[in-house]
Amino acid sequence: MKVTKASQKGLDLIKRFEGLKLKPYLCPASIATIGYGNTYYPSGAKVKLTDPAITKEKAEELLKFLLTSYEKGVDSFCRDDINQNQFDALTSFAYNVGVGNLQKSTLIKKVNRNPNDPTIRAEFMKWNKGGGKVLLGLTRRRQAEADLYFS
């Protein structure tokens, strides 16, 4: 059966690494962000540091609304026979680095050639930099995504 939606496991992975901030803040890449790593609102407006705080419920709604575009991206760029854990890992990856980066990545090329290729783990690990610097949080996230992908 073709997987097109992230499971609770995938959602929990995203939430764990994005963290929850109810007030706008600058992420490590110096982009205004709110909630669970959201850089824009459903209207398409970008988050600004001067925006008002949101509630936890609003952050959950925002995450679920915006997650659909990342799920669609993974679905459209990836072969149809990947399993739920693979889909969840790739959706978390896309949520963090963007659908465009996923589409251009060697990671997705290897997944589409052979989703069980063990060298896919190394492709996740290449995406651990922010502002040109290796970030421990991104290294941990890529490890968790690779672990989920191969579980």
N, C-alpha and C. Protein backbone atom coordinates (compact mmCIF):
# COMPACT_ATOMS: atom_id res chain seq x y z
N MET A 1 0.84 -1.19 0.00
CA MET A 1 0.00 0.00 0.00
C MET A 1 0.88 1.25 0.00
N LYS A 2 0.59 2.17 -0.87
CA LYS A 2 1.37 3.39 -1.01
C LYS A 2 1.17 4.30 0.21
N VAL A 3 2.27 4.79 0.77
CA VAL A 3 2.24 5.68 1.92
C VAL A 3 2.26 7.13 1.42
N THR A 4 1.33 7.95 1.90
CA THR A 4 1.28 9.36 1.48
C THR A 4 1.18 10.33 2.65
N LYS A 5 1.09 9.81 3.87
CA LYS A 5 0.94 10.66 5.06
C LYS A 5 1.94 10.22 6.12
N ALA A 6 2.50 11.18 6.82
CA ALA A 6 3.40 10.88 7.94
C ALA A 6 2.60 10.25 9.08
N SER A 7 3.19 9.31 9.75
CA SER A 7 2.56 8.68 10.91
C SER A 7 2.84 9.52 12.16
N GLN A 8 2.27 9.11 13.28
CA GLN A 8 2.54 9.80 14.54
C GLN A 8 4.03 9.73 14.87
N LYS A 9 4.68 8.63 14.52
CA LYS A 9 6.12 8.48 14.76
C LYS A 9 6.91 9.56 14.00
N GLY A 10 6.51 9.80 12.75
CA GLY A 10 7.17 10.84 11.96
C GLY A 10 6.90 12.23 12.51
N LEU A 11 5.66 12.46 12.90
CA LEU A 11 5.28 13.74 13.50
C LEU A 11 6.06 13.98 14.79
N ASP A 12 6.17 12.95 15.61
CA ASP A 12 6.91 13.08 16.87
C ASP A 12 8.39 13.37 16.63
N LEU A 13 8.96 12.78 15.59
CA LEU A 13 10.36 13.05 15.26
C LEU A 13 10.55 14.52 14.89
N ILE A 14 9.68 15.03 14.06
CA ILE A 14 9.75 16.44 13.66
C ILE A 14 9.62 17.33 14.90
N LYS A 15 8.63 17.05 15.73
CA LYS A 15 8.39 17.87 16.92
C LYS A 15 9.58 17.83 17.88
N ARG A 16 10.18 16.66 18.04
CA ARG A 16 11.31 16.52 18.97
C ARG A 16 12.48 17.39 18.53
N PHE A 17 12.79 17.39 17.24
CA PHE A 17 13.96 18.14 16.78
C PHE A 17 13.67 19.61 16.51
N GLU A 18 12.46 19.93 16.12
CA GLU A 18 12.13 21.34 15.90
C GLU A 18 11.94 22.06 17.23
N GLY A 19 11.40 21.36 18.22
CA GLY A 19 11.08 22.01 19.49
C GLY A 19 9.89 22.94 19.30
N LEU A 20 9.34 23.38 20.40
CA LEU A 20 8.18 24.27 20.35
C LEU A 20 8.53 25.62 20.94
N LYS A 21 8.36 26.66 20.14
CA LYS A 21 8.55 28.04 20.61
C LYS A 21 7.31 28.82 20.22
N LEU A 22 6.64 29.36 21.20
CA LEU A 22 5.38 30.07 20.94
C LEU A 22 5.60 31.51 20.49
N LYS A 23 6.79 32.04 20.74
CA LYS A 23 7.13 33.39 20.28
C LYS A 23 8.09 33.28 19.10
N PRO A 24 8.01 34.21 18.16
CA PRO A 24 8.94 34.16 17.02
C PRO A 24 10.39 34.26 17.50
N TYR A 25 11.27 33.55 16.81
CA TYR A 25 12.70 33.53 17.14
C TYR A 25 13.50 33.34 15.85
N LEU A 26 14.80 33.56 15.93
CA LEU A 26 15.68 33.30 14.79
C LEU A 26 16.26 31.90 14.93
N CYS A 27 16.08 31.09 13.92
CA CYS A 27 16.66 29.74 13.92
C CYS A 27 18.17 29.86 13.67
N PRO A 28 18.93 28.75 13.77
CA PRO A 28 20.38 28.82 13.54
C PRO A 28 20.77 29.39 12.17
N ALA A 29 19.86 29.31 11.20
CA ALA A 29 20.14 29.87 9.87
C ALA A 29 19.68 31.33 9.76
N SER A 30 19.32 31.93 10.92
CA SER A 30 18.90 33.33 11.01
C SER A 30 17.61 33.63 10.25
N ILE A 31 16.66 32.69 10.31
CA ILE A 31 15.36 32.87 9.67
C ILE A 31 14.31 32.94 10.78
N ALA A 32 13.41 33.92 10.68
CA ALA A 32 12.34 34.06 11.67
C ALA A 32 11.46 32.82 11.63
N THR A 33 11.19 32.27 12.81
CA THR A 33 10.53 30.97 12.95
C THR A 33 9.58 31.01 14.14
N ILE A 34 8.54 30.18 14.11
CA ILE A 34 7.59 30.09 15.23
C ILE A 34 7.04 28.67 15.31
N GLY A 35 6.51 28.31 16.47
CA GLY A 35 5.89 27.00 16.63
C GLY A 35 6.92 25.89 16.53
N TYR A 36 6.62 24.88 15.72
CA TYR A 36 7.52 23.75 15.49
C TYR A 36 8.36 23.98 14.24
N GLY A 37 9.15 25.03 14.26
CA GLY A 37 10.06 25.29 13.14
C GLY A 37 9.40 25.87 11.91
N ASN A 38 8.23 26.49 12.07
CA ASN A 38 7.53 27.05 10.90
C ASN A 38 8.07 28.42 10.55
N THR A 39 8.37 28.62 9.27
CA THR A 39 8.91 29.90 8.80
C THR A 39 7.86 30.72 8.04
N TYR A 40 6.68 30.13 7.85
CA TYR A 40 5.59 30.86 7.21
C TYR A 40 4.26 30.33 7.73
N TYR A 41 3.21 31.08 7.46
CA TYR A 41 1.86 30.76 7.92
C TYR A 41 1.04 30.17 6.77
N PRO A 42 -0.12 29.57 7.08
CA PRO A 42 -0.96 29.01 6.00
C PRO A 42 -1.29 30.02 4.90
N SER A 43 -1.33 31.29 5.23
CA SER A 43 -1.61 32.33 4.24
C SER A 43 -0.46 32.52 3.26
N GLY A 44 0.71 31.96 3.60
CA GLY A 44 1.91 32.16 2.78
C GLY A 44 2.79 33.27 3.31
N ALA A 45 2.28 34.04 4.28
CA ALA A 45 3.08 35.13 4.86
C ALA A 45 4.24 34.55 5.66
N LYS A 46 5.41 35.17 5.52
CA LYS A 46 6.58 34.74 6.28
C LYS A 46 6.45 35.18 7.73
N VAL A 47 6.98 34.37 8.62
CA VAL A 47 7.02 34.72 10.04
C VAL A 47 7.97 35.91 10.22
N LYS A 48 7.56 36.86 11.05
CA LYS A 48 8.40 38.02 11.38
C LYS A 48 8.64 38.02 12.88
N LEU A 49 9.77 38.51 13.30
CA LEU A 49 10.10 38.55 14.73
C LEU A 49 9.12 39.41 15.52
N THR A 50 8.42 40.30 14.84
CA THR A 50 7.45 41.18 15.51
C THR A 50 6.06 40.57 15.61
N ASP A 51 5.88 39.34 15.08
CA ASP A 51 4.57 38.69 15.15
C ASP A 51 4.22 38.35 16.60
N PRO A 52 2.93 38.32 16.92
CA PRO A 52 2.53 37.94 18.29
C PRO A 52 2.78 36.46 18.55
N ALA A 53 2.88 36.11 19.82
CA ALA A 53 3.03 34.71 20.22
C ALA A 53 1.78 33.93 19.81
N ILE A 54 1.93 32.62 19.68
CA ILE A 54 0.80 31.75 19.37
C ILE A 54 0.61 30.76 20.54
N THR A 55 -0.50 30.07 20.54
CA THR A 55 -0.77 29.05 21.56
C THR A 55 -0.19 27.72 21.11
N LYS A 56 -0.09 26.77 22.03
CA LYS A 56 0.38 25.43 21.67
C LYS A 56 -0.58 24.80 20.67
N GLU A 57 -1.88 25.02 20.86
CA GLU A 57 -2.89 24.48 19.94
C GLU A 57 -2.70 25.04 18.54
N LYS A 58 -2.43 26.33 18.46
CA LYS A 58 -2.19 26.98 17.16
C LYS A 58 -0.92 26.40 16.51
N ALA A 59 0.10 26.16 17.32
CA ALA A 59 1.35 25.58 16.81
C ALA A 59 1.09 24.19 16.23
N GLU A 60 0.24 23.40 16.90
CA GLU A 60 -0.11 22.06 16.40
C GLU A 60 -0.86 22.17 15.07
N GLU A 61 -1.81 23.08 15.00
CA GLU A 61 -2.56 23.29 13.75
C GLU A 61 -1.63 23.71 12.62
N LEU A 62 -0.74 24.63 12.92
CA LEU A 62 0.20 25.14 11.93
C LEU A 62 1.10 24.01 11.42
N LEU A 63 1.61 23.20 12.32
CA LEU A 63 2.46 22.08 11.93
C LEU A 63 1.71 21.13 11.02
N LYS A 64 0.52 20.73 11.40
CA LYS A 64 -0.25 19.77 10.61
C LYS A 64 -0.65 20.34 9.25
N PHE A 65 -1.00 21.64 9.22
CA PHE A 65 -1.37 22.27 7.96
C PHE A 65 -0.17 22.30 7.01
N LEU A 66 0.97 22.75 7.51
CA LEU A 66 2.13 22.91 6.64
C LEU A 66 2.78 21.56 6.30
N LEU A 67 2.62 20.58 7.17
CA LEU A 67 3.20 19.27 6.93
C LEU A 67 2.69 18.66 5.62
N THR A 68 1.45 18.97 5.26
CA THR A 68 0.89 18.38 4.04
C THR A 68 1.71 18.71 2.80
N SER A 69 2.29 19.90 2.73
CA SER A 69 3.10 20.24 1.54
C SER A 69 4.38 19.41 1.50
N TYR A 70 4.93 19.08 2.65
CA TYR A 70 6.14 18.25 2.69
C TYR A 70 5.81 16.80 2.37
N GLU A 71 4.67 16.34 2.86
CA GLU A 71 4.22 14.98 2.53
C GLU A 71 3.99 14.87 1.02
N LYS A 72 3.37 15.86 0.43
CA LYS A 72 3.13 15.85 -1.03
C LYS A 72 4.45 15.86 -1.79
N GLY A 73 5.42 16.62 -1.30
CA GLY A 73 6.73 16.66 -1.94
C GLY A 73 7.40 15.30 -1.93
N VAL A 74 7.43 14.66 -0.75
CA VAL A 74 8.03 13.34 -0.65
C VAL A 74 7.28 12.36 -1.57
N ASP A 75 5.96 12.42 -1.55
CA ASP A 75 5.15 11.54 -2.38
C ASP A 75 5.45 11.75 -3.87
N SER A 76 5.61 12.99 -4.28
CA SER A 76 5.80 13.25 -5.71
C SER A 76 7.22 12.97 -6.21
N PHE A 77 8.22 13.05 -5.33
CA PHE A 77 9.61 12.86 -5.78
C PHE A 77 10.13 11.46 -5.50
N CYS A 78 9.35 10.65 -4.79
CA CYS A 78 9.85 9.37 -4.32
C CYS A 78 9.07 8.22 -4.92
N ARG A 79 9.72 7.12 -5.11
CA ARG A 79 9.06 5.91 -5.61
C ARG A 79 7.92 5.51 -4.68
N ASP A 80 6.98 4.76 -5.21
CA ASP A 80 5.74 4.46 -4.49
C ASP A 80 5.83 3.29 -3.51
N ASP A 81 6.93 2.56 -3.51
CA ASP A 81 6.97 1.35 -2.68
C ASP A 81 7.79 1.50 -1.39
N ILE A 82 8.06 2.74 -0.96
CA ILE A 82 8.76 2.89 0.31
C ILE A 82 7.79 2.62 1.46
N ASN A 83 8.35 2.22 2.61
CA ASN A 83 7.49 1.90 3.74
C ASN A 83 7.21 3.14 4.61
N GLN A 84 6.40 2.98 5.63
CA GLN A 84 6.00 4.11 6.48
C GLN A 84 7.20 4.77 7.15
N ASN A 85 8.12 3.98 7.70
CA ASN A 85 9.29 4.57 8.37
C ASN A 85 10.16 5.35 7.40
N GLN A 86 10.31 4.83 6.19
CA GLN A 86 11.08 5.54 5.18
C GLN A 86 10.39 6.85 4.81
N PHE A 87 9.08 6.80 4.62
CA PHE A 87 8.32 8.01 4.29
C PHE A 87 8.45 9.04 5.42
N ASP A 88 8.31 8.58 6.67
CA ASP A 88 8.41 9.49 7.82
C ASP A 88 9.78 10.15 7.89
N ALA A 89 10.83 9.36 7.70
CA ALA A 89 12.19 9.91 7.75
C ALA A 89 12.41 10.95 6.65
N LEU A 90 11.95 10.64 5.45
CA LEU A 90 12.12 11.58 4.33
C LEU A 90 11.26 12.83 4.52
N THR A 91 10.09 12.69 5.13
CA THR A 91 9.24 13.85 5.39
C THR A 91 9.89 14.76 6.43
N SER A 92 10.46 14.18 7.48
CA SER A 92 11.17 14.97 8.48
C SER A 92 12.34 15.71 7.84
N PHE A 93 13.07 15.01 6.99
CA PHE A 93 14.20 15.61 6.27
C PHE A 93 13.73 16.79 5.43
N ALA A 94 12.67 16.58 4.64
CA ALA A 94 12.15 17.64 3.78
C ALA A 94 11.62 18.82 4.60
N TYR A 95 10.99 18.54 5.73
CA TYR A 95 10.47 19.58 6.61
C TYR A 95 11.61 20.48 7.09
N ASN A 96 12.76 19.89 7.30
CA ASN A 96 13.90 20.64 7.81
C ASN A 96 14.70 21.35 6.73
N VAL A 97 14.94 20.69 5.60
CA VAL A 97 15.82 21.28 4.58
C VAL A 97 15.06 21.85 3.39
N GLY A 98 13.76 21.53 3.29
CA GLY A 98 12.96 22.02 2.18
C GLY A 98 12.77 20.96 1.11
N VAL A 99 11.62 21.01 0.48
CA VAL A 99 11.27 20.05 -0.57
C VAL A 99 12.21 20.19 -1.77
N GLY A 100 12.57 21.42 -2.11
CA GLY A 100 13.47 21.63 -3.25
C GLY A 100 14.83 20.98 -3.04
N ASN A 101 15.35 21.07 -1.81
CA ASN A 101 16.63 20.43 -1.53
C ASN A 101 16.50 18.91 -1.57
N LEU A 102 15.39 18.39 -1.08
CA LEU A 102 15.16 16.95 -1.19
C LEU A 102 15.15 16.53 -2.65
N GLN A 103 14.43 17.26 -3.47
CA GLN A 103 14.29 16.92 -4.89
C GLN A 103 15.65 16.87 -5.60
N LYS A 104 16.56 17.77 -5.23
CA LYS A 104 17.87 17.85 -5.88
C LYS A 104 18.91 16.91 -5.27
N SER A 105 18.59 16.30 -4.15
CA SER A 105 19.59 15.57 -3.36
C SER A 105 19.97 14.21 -3.96
N THR A 106 21.18 13.81 -3.67
CA THR A 106 21.62 12.46 -3.98
C THR A 106 20.84 11.47 -3.13
N LEU A 107 20.42 11.89 -1.95
CA LEU A 107 19.61 11.05 -1.07
C LEU A 107 18.39 10.50 -1.81
N ILE A 108 17.60 11.39 -2.41
CA ILE A 108 16.37 10.93 -3.08
C ILE A 108 16.70 10.11 -4.33
N LYS A 109 17.81 10.44 -4.99
CA LYS A 109 18.22 9.66 -6.17
C LYS A 109 18.52 8.21 -5.75
N LYS A 110 19.22 8.07 -4.61
CA LYS A 110 19.55 6.72 -4.14
C LYS A 110 18.30 5.98 -3.67
N VAL A 111 17.41 6.68 -2.98
CA VAL A 111 16.15 6.07 -2.54
C VAL A 111 15.38 5.55 -3.75
N ASN A 112 15.33 6.35 -4.81
CA ASN A 112 14.56 5.96 -5.99
C ASN A 112 15.22 4.83 -6.78
N ARG A 113 16.54 4.71 -6.66
CA ARG A 113 17.23 3.59 -7.31
C ARG A 113 17.02 2.29 -6.54
N ASN A 114 17.23 2.39 -5.21
CA ASN A 114 17.11 1.20 -4.36
C ASN A 114 16.90 1.68 -2.92
N PRO A 115 15.66 1.66 -2.43
CA PRO A 115 15.39 2.18 -1.09
C PRO A 115 16.09 1.43 0.04
N ASN A 116 16.68 0.28 -0.25
CA ASN A 116 17.39 -0.48 0.78
C ASN A 116 18.91 -0.33 0.69
N ASP A 117 19.38 0.56 -0.17
CA ASP A 117 20.81 0.81 -0.32
C ASP A 117 21.38 1.34 1.00
N PRO A 118 22.34 0.63 1.60
CA PRO A 118 22.88 1.07 2.89
C PRO A 118 23.62 2.41 2.83
N THR A 119 24.04 2.84 1.64
CA THR A 119 24.74 4.13 1.53
C THR A 119 23.79 5.32 1.69
N ILE A 120 22.49 5.05 1.76
CA ILE A 120 21.52 6.13 1.99
C ILE A 120 21.78 6.80 3.35
N ARG A 121 22.20 6.01 4.33
CA ARG A 121 22.50 6.56 5.66
C ARG A 121 23.51 7.71 5.55
N ALA A 122 24.55 7.53 4.78
CA ALA A 122 25.57 8.58 4.61
C ALA A 122 25.00 9.81 3.93
N GLU A 123 24.01 9.62 3.06
CA GLU A 123 23.40 10.78 2.39
C GLU A 123 22.62 11.64 3.38
N PHE A 124 21.93 11.01 4.32
CA PHE A 124 21.27 11.80 5.38
C PHE A 124 22.32 12.62 6.12
N MET A 125 23.44 11.99 6.45
CA MET A 125 24.44 12.62 7.32
C MET A 125 25.15 13.80 6.65
N LYS A 126 25.08 13.92 5.34
CA LYS A 126 25.71 15.06 4.65
C LYS A 126 24.98 16.37 4.93
N TRP A 127 23.76 16.31 5.43
CA TRP A 127 22.92 17.50 5.61
C TRP A 127 22.89 17.92 7.09
N ASN A 128 24.05 18.15 7.66
CA ASN A 128 24.14 18.49 9.08
C ASN A 128 24.75 19.87 9.33
N LYS A 129 24.67 20.73 8.33
CA LYS A 129 25.26 22.07 8.47
C LYS A 129 24.20 23.16 8.42
N GLY A 130 24.46 24.22 9.16
CA GLY A 130 23.64 25.42 9.13
C GLY A 130 24.57 26.61 9.08
N GLY A 131 24.37 27.49 8.12
CA GLY A 131 25.29 28.62 7.99
C GLY A 131 26.71 28.16 7.70
N GLY A 132 26.87 27.01 7.04
CA GLY A 132 28.19 26.51 6.68
C GLY A 132 28.91 25.77 7.79
N LYS A 133 28.31 25.65 8.96
CA LYS A 133 28.95 25.01 10.10
C LYS A 133 28.20 23.74 10.48
N VAL A 134 28.95 22.72 10.88
CA VAL A 134 28.34 21.49 11.38
C VAL A 134 27.64 21.82 12.69
N LEU A 135 26.36 21.45 12.78
CA LEU A 135 25.57 21.69 13.99
C LEU A 135 25.24 20.35 14.64
N LEU A 136 25.55 20.24 15.92
CA LEU A 136 25.32 19.01 16.65
C LEU A 136 23.85 18.60 16.59
N GLY A 137 22.94 19.56 16.71
CA GLY A 137 21.51 19.26 16.65
C GLY A 137 21.11 18.65 15.31
N LEU A 138 21.69 19.18 14.22
CA LEU A 138 21.39 18.62 12.89
C LEU A 138 22.03 17.25 12.71
N THR A 139 23.21 17.06 13.28
CA THR A 139 23.85 15.75 13.21
C THR A 139 22.98 14.72 13.92
N ARG A 140 22.47 15.09 15.10
CA ARG A 140 21.58 14.17 15.84
C ARG A 140 20.29 13.90 15.07
N ARG A 141 19.74 14.95 14.46
CA ARG A 141 18.50 14.78 13.71
C ARG A 141 18.71 13.85 12.52
N ARG A 142 19.78 14.06 11.76
CA ARG A 142 20.04 13.22 10.60
C ARG A 142 20.27 11.77 11.03
N GLN A 143 20.92 11.57 12.17
CA GLN A 143 21.12 10.21 12.69
C GLN A 143 19.77 9.57 13.02
N ALA A 144 18.90 10.34 13.68
CA ALA A 144 17.57 9.83 14.05
C ALA A 144 16.74 9.53 12.80
N GLU A 145 16.84 10.40 11.78
CA GLU A 145 16.10 10.17 10.54
C GLU A 145 16.62 8.90 9.83
N ALA A 146 17.94 8.76 9.78
CA ALA A 146 18.53 7.57 9.15
C ALA A 146 18.15 6.31 9.92
N ASP A 147 18.18 6.40 11.26
CA ASP A 147 17.79 5.24 12.08
C ASP A 147 16.33 4.86 11.82
N LEU A 148 15.45 5.86 11.76
CA LEU A 148 14.05 5.59 11.47
C LEU A 148 13.89 5.00 10.06
N TYR A 149 14.59 5.58 9.10
CA TYR A 149 14.52 5.12 7.72
C TYR A 149 14.84 3.62 7.62
N PHE A 150 15.87 3.18 8.34
CA PHE A 150 16.31 1.79 8.25
C PHE A 150 15.71 0.88 9.32
N SER A 151 14.74 1.39 10.10
CA SER A 151 14.14 0.53 11.14
C SER A 151 12.96 -0.27 10.60
